[in-house]
Protein backbone atom coordinates (compact mmCIF):
# COMPACT_ATOMS: atom_id res chain seq x y z
CA MET A 1 2.90 28.48 0.05
CA ALA A 2 3.01 28.22 3.81
CA ASN A 3 6.21 26.12 3.58
CA ASP A 4 7.67 28.61 1.44
CA ASP A 5 6.94 31.53 3.69
CA ARG A 6 8.30 29.79 6.59
CA TYR A 7 11.60 28.88 4.80
CA THR A 8 11.78 32.57 3.37
CA SER A 9 11.50 33.51 7.03
CA THR A 10 14.23 31.35 8.10
CA ALA A 11 16.64 32.47 5.43
CA ASP A 12 15.82 36.05 6.25
CA GLU A 13 16.77 35.28 9.93
CA LEU A 14 20.20 34.28 8.75
CA ASP A 15 21.11 37.80 8.54
CA ASP A 16 20.34 38.20 12.38
CA GLU A 17 22.71 37.18 15.10
CA SER A 18 19.67 35.69 16.89
CA VAL A 19 19.75 32.81 14.56
CA LEU A 20 22.50 31.33 16.38
CA SER A 21 20.82 30.76 19.45
CA PRO A 22 19.81 27.26 20.36
CA GLU A 23 16.03 27.87 19.54
CA HIS A 24 16.53 29.11 16.02
CA MET A 25 18.86 26.32 15.16
CA LEU A 26 16.55 23.67 16.62
CA ARG A 27 13.53 25.10 14.75
CA LEU A 28 15.84 25.10 11.45
CA VAL A 29 16.81 21.48 11.88
CA ASP A 30 13.16 20.42 12.78
CA ASP A 31 12.21 22.22 9.60
CA GLN A 32 14.64 20.21 7.38
CA GLN A 33 13.85 17.08 9.31
CA ASN A 34 10.06 17.38 8.50
CA THR A 35 10.60 18.33 4.79
CA MET A 36 12.75 15.15 4.20
CA MET A 37 10.25 13.05 6.01
CA ARG A 38 7.31 14.47 3.96
CA GLN A 39 9.26 13.92 0.84
CA GLN A 40 10.14 10.17 1.94
CA LEU A 41 6.27 9.23 2.94
CA SER A 42 4.60 11.11 0.12
CA PRO A 43 4.25 8.49 -1.99
CA ILE A 44 2.70 5.97 0.58
CA PRO A 45 -0.89 7.30 0.59
CA TRP A 46 -0.94 7.02 -3.26
CA MET A 47 0.38 3.19 -2.92
CA LEU A 48 -2.17 2.73 -0.29
CA GLY A 49 -4.88 3.99 -2.41
CA VAL A 50 -3.94 2.22 -5.88
CA TRP A 51 -3.95 -0.97 -4.10
CA GLY A 52 -7.04 -0.33 -2.02
CA PHE A 53 -8.80 0.46 -5.42
CA ALA A 54 -7.44 -2.41 -7.13
CA TRP A 55 -8.45 -5.00 -4.50
CA ALA A 56 -11.89 -3.57 -3.61
CA LEU A 57 -12.95 -3.24 -7.27
CA GLY A 58 -11.10 -6.38 -8.48
CA PHE A 59 -12.49 -8.78 -5.73
CA LEU A 60 -15.92 -7.07 -6.06
CA LEU A 61 -15.81 -8.07 -9.64
CA LEU A 62 -14.63 -11.80 -8.79
CA TRP A 63 -17.58 -12.18 -6.24
CA SER A 64 -20.12 -10.59 -8.84
CA SER A 65 -18.97 -13.16 -11.50
CA ALA A 66 -18.98 -16.40 -9.44
CA GLU A 67 -22.39 -18.44 -9.14
CA GLY A 68 -24.12 -17.69 -5.96
CA GLY A 69 -22.33 -14.40 -5.52
CA ASN A 70 -23.48 -10.95 -5.86
CA PRO A 71 -27.37 -11.15 -5.66
CA TRP A 72 -27.77 -7.59 -7.13
CA PHE A 73 -25.97 -7.79 -10.41
CA SER A 74 -23.60 -10.10 -12.42
CA VAL A 75 -20.62 -9.77 -14.24
CA PRO A 76 -19.16 -12.13 -17.20
CA VAL A 77 -16.63 -14.59 -15.41
CA VAL A 78 -13.94 -14.02 -18.28
CA PRO A 79 -14.08 -10.08 -18.33
CA ALA A 80 -13.95 -10.10 -14.45
CA ARG A 81 -10.95 -12.34 -14.35
CA ILE A 82 -9.01 -10.16 -16.96
CA ALA A 83 -10.06 -7.13 -15.30
CA PHE A 84 -8.94 -8.34 -12.12
CA ALA A 85 -5.56 -9.27 -13.68
CA VAL A 86 -5.38 -5.76 -15.03
CA LEU A 87 -6.12 -4.24 -11.96
CA ILE A 88 -3.55 -6.17 -9.65
CA GLY A 89 -0.91 -5.84 -12.60
CA SER A 90 -1.32 -1.90 -12.71
CA ALA A 91 -1.15 -1.64 -8.69
CA ILE A 92 2.21 -3.63 -8.78
CA VAL A 93 3.61 -1.55 -11.39
CA ILE A 94 2.75 1.63 -9.94
CA SER A 95 3.75 0.36 -6.51
CA THR A 96 6.96 -0.35 -7.60
CA VAL A 97 7.58 2.72 -9.30
CA LEU A 98 6.45 4.73 -6.22
CA GLY A 99 8.52 2.71 -4.16
CA ILE A 100 11.57 3.35 -6.04
CA ARG A 101 10.75 7.07 -6.06
CA ILE A 102 10.53 7.25 -2.12
CA SER A 103 13.21 9.39 -0.74
CA ARG A 104 14.25 10.69 -4.45
CA GLY A 105 16.87 13.01 -3.80
CA VAL A 106 17.85 11.67 -0.56
CA GLN A 107 21.23 9.70 -0.48
CA GLY A 108 22.25 6.47 1.34
CA ASN A 109 20.28 4.03 3.20
CA SER A 110 16.95 5.57 2.89
CA THR A 111 17.03 5.41 -0.90
CA PHE A 112 18.21 1.85 -1.06
CA SER A 113 15.25 0.92 1.40
CA GLY A 114 12.82 2.97 -0.55
CA ALA A 115 13.87 1.26 -3.83
CA VAL A 116 13.96 -2.39 -2.41
CA TYR A 117 10.52 -1.84 -0.59
CA GLY A 118 9.00 -0.79 -4.01
CA ILE A 119 10.47 -3.76 -5.86
CA SER A 120 9.37 -6.34 -3.22
CA TRP A 121 5.74 -5.68 -4.15
CA SER A 122 6.28 -7.20 -7.80
CA VAL A 123 8.99 -9.89 -6.74
CA ALA A 124 6.49 -11.26 -3.99
CA SER A 125 3.61 -11.09 -6.32
CA SER A 126 5.21 -12.97 -8.64
CA GLY A 127 6.37 -15.49 -6.25
CA PHE A 128 3.02 -15.86 -4.74
CA ALA A 129 1.39 -16.27 -8.33
CA THR A 130 3.93 -18.83 -9.59
CA VAL A 131 3.38 -21.28 -6.46
CA GLY A 132 -0.39 -21.03 -7.13
CA VAL A 133 0.12 -21.78 -10.91
CA ALA A 134 2.47 -24.83 -9.88
CA LEU A 135 -0.08 -26.04 -7.38
CA ILE A 136 -2.93 -26.15 -10.05
CA GLN A 137 -0.61 -27.89 -12.46
CA ASN A 138 -0.09 -30.51 -9.94
CA GLY A 139 -3.96 -31.29 -9.00
CA MET A 140 -5.26 -28.20 -7.20
CA SER A 141 -9.00 -27.74 -8.03
CA GLN A 142 -10.26 -24.82 -9.22
CA GLU A 143 -12.34 -24.28 -6.00
CA LEU A 144 -9.18 -24.26 -4.08
CA ALA A 145 -7.62 -21.86 -6.24
CA THR A 146 -10.01 -19.57 -5.61
CA LEU A 147 -9.47 -19.63 -2.02
CA TYR A 148 -5.60 -19.74 -2.20
CA PHE A 149 -4.76 -16.81 -4.57
CA PRO A 150 -6.93 -14.08 -2.59
CA SER A 151 -5.44 -15.33 0.76
CA ALA A 152 -1.97 -15.55 -0.32
CA PHE A 153 -1.81 -12.06 -1.71
CA ALA A 154 -3.66 -10.86 1.40
CA LEU A 155 -0.99 -12.47 3.51
CA MET A 156 1.93 -10.99 1.10
CA ALA A 157 0.47 -7.51 1.40
CA GLY A 158 0.12 -7.92 5.23
CA ILE A 159 3.86 -8.93 5.58
CA LEU A 160 5.07 -6.10 3.29
CA TYR A 161 2.94 -3.38 5.33
CA PHE A 162 4.45 -5.00 8.51
CA LEU A 163 7.98 -4.28 6.72
CA GLY A 164 6.88 -0.77 6.07
CA ALA A 165 5.87 0.05 9.33
CA ALA A 166 9.23 -1.20 10.66
CA LEU A 167 11.11 0.78 7.88
CA TRP A 168 9.34 4.11 8.57
CA GLN A 169 8.19 3.46 12.10
CA GLU A 170 4.49 4.03 11.12
CA LYS A 171 1.93 2.40 13.28
CA SER A 172 -0.81 2.76 10.71
CA GLN A 173 0.88 0.50 8.40
CA LEU A 174 1.15 -2.15 11.25
CA VAL A 175 -2.60 -1.82 11.72
CA LEU A 176 -3.42 -2.13 8.07
CA GLY A 177 -0.79 -5.38 7.97
CA SER A 178 -2.64 -6.70 10.82
CA ILE A 179 -6.19 -6.36 9.25
CA LEU A 180 -4.76 -7.89 5.93
CA LEU A 181 -3.03 -10.78 7.70
CA LEU A 182 -6.51 -11.32 9.49
CA ALA A 183 -8.57 -11.37 6.13
CA GLY A 184 -6.27 -13.46 4.14
CA SER A 185 -6.07 -15.99 7.06
CA ALA A 186 -9.99 -15.94 7.81
CA SER A 187 -11.41 -15.49 4.27
CA PRO A 188 -11.04 -18.94 3.44
CA PHE A 189 -13.20 -20.24 6.19
CA PHE A 190 -16.24 -18.25 4.48
CA GLY A 191 -15.79 -20.74 1.29
CA ALA A 192 -15.90 -19.25 -2.50
CA PRO A 193 -17.25 -16.87 -3.54
CA THR A 194 -18.00 -15.28 -0.24
CA ASN A 195 -14.32 -14.77 0.39
CA ASN A 196 -13.71 -12.64 -2.46
CA ILE A 197 -16.10 -10.06 -0.69
CA VAL A 198 -14.42 -10.40 2.48
CA MET A 199 -11.31 -9.39 0.68
CA ALA A 200 -12.76 -6.56 -1.15
CA VAL A 201 -14.24 -5.11 2.10
CA LEU A 202 -11.57 -5.98 4.78
CA GLY A 203 -8.52 -5.50 2.41
CA GLY A 204 -9.50 -3.01 -0.20
CA GLY A 205 -11.53 -1.11 2.33
CA SER A 206 -8.83 -0.93 5.14
CA MET A 207 -6.31 -0.09 2.55
CA LEU A 208 -8.57 3.02 1.10
CA ILE A 209 -9.17 4.18 4.70
CA ALA A 210 -5.53 4.09 5.49
CA ALA A 211 -4.65 6.27 2.32
CA ILE A 212 -6.69 8.73 3.58
CA VAL A 213 -5.80 8.68 7.26
CA PHE A 214 -2.00 8.75 5.82
CA ALA A 215 -2.64 11.50 3.67
CA VAL A 216 -4.24 14.14 6.30
CA ARG A 217 -1.30 13.12 8.65
CA LEU A 218 1.27 14.13 5.70
CA HIS A 219 -0.97 17.54 5.23
CA ARG A 220 -0.70 18.25 9.10
CA MET A 221 2.99 17.90 8.95
CA ALA A 222 3.37 20.66 6.54
């Protein structure tokens, strides 16, 4: 409603000769740029939130299903793995759709960049998963697989958030990408199944915090 009042006020000023002053023209340009920026960045908190929820819950379930994992409660192995696959798969689909919708209504390079960024999540995830399956077929043990897959997806997400930081010049995504790269690189040293809770806390938790911070910043831009 505040934005509507602002644009109504700006439109009313078009009937006033003072609208041609540099101050009024600068304010009009700033309003249009802020609106376009909010439209372009509005899906990002949802992308962060979806991935944060999927990682936090998914890796918590894997940790709780493993022997020597969660000391408070346990989850059957098969349902935990199915739930993890559903969570990650849903996050991939949702983030892809949201990424394609970034800059919806904005023509040119911004639209193309948003679409490529959204699609890159599903493409990169499929690539890392395929490599993991190939390694298993060529003799990689189950123990090593439980270390590879969480780290691979963390490194993938970290790199993509680095690209997002460069694309939208957002330092918060740069920080998040750094945390995920650190989590993906360090978690294998904890061994299985502890690496899963490291990923749930560092990976999922940092994404959820980033989603809240990003949403607050967008609200302040309004």
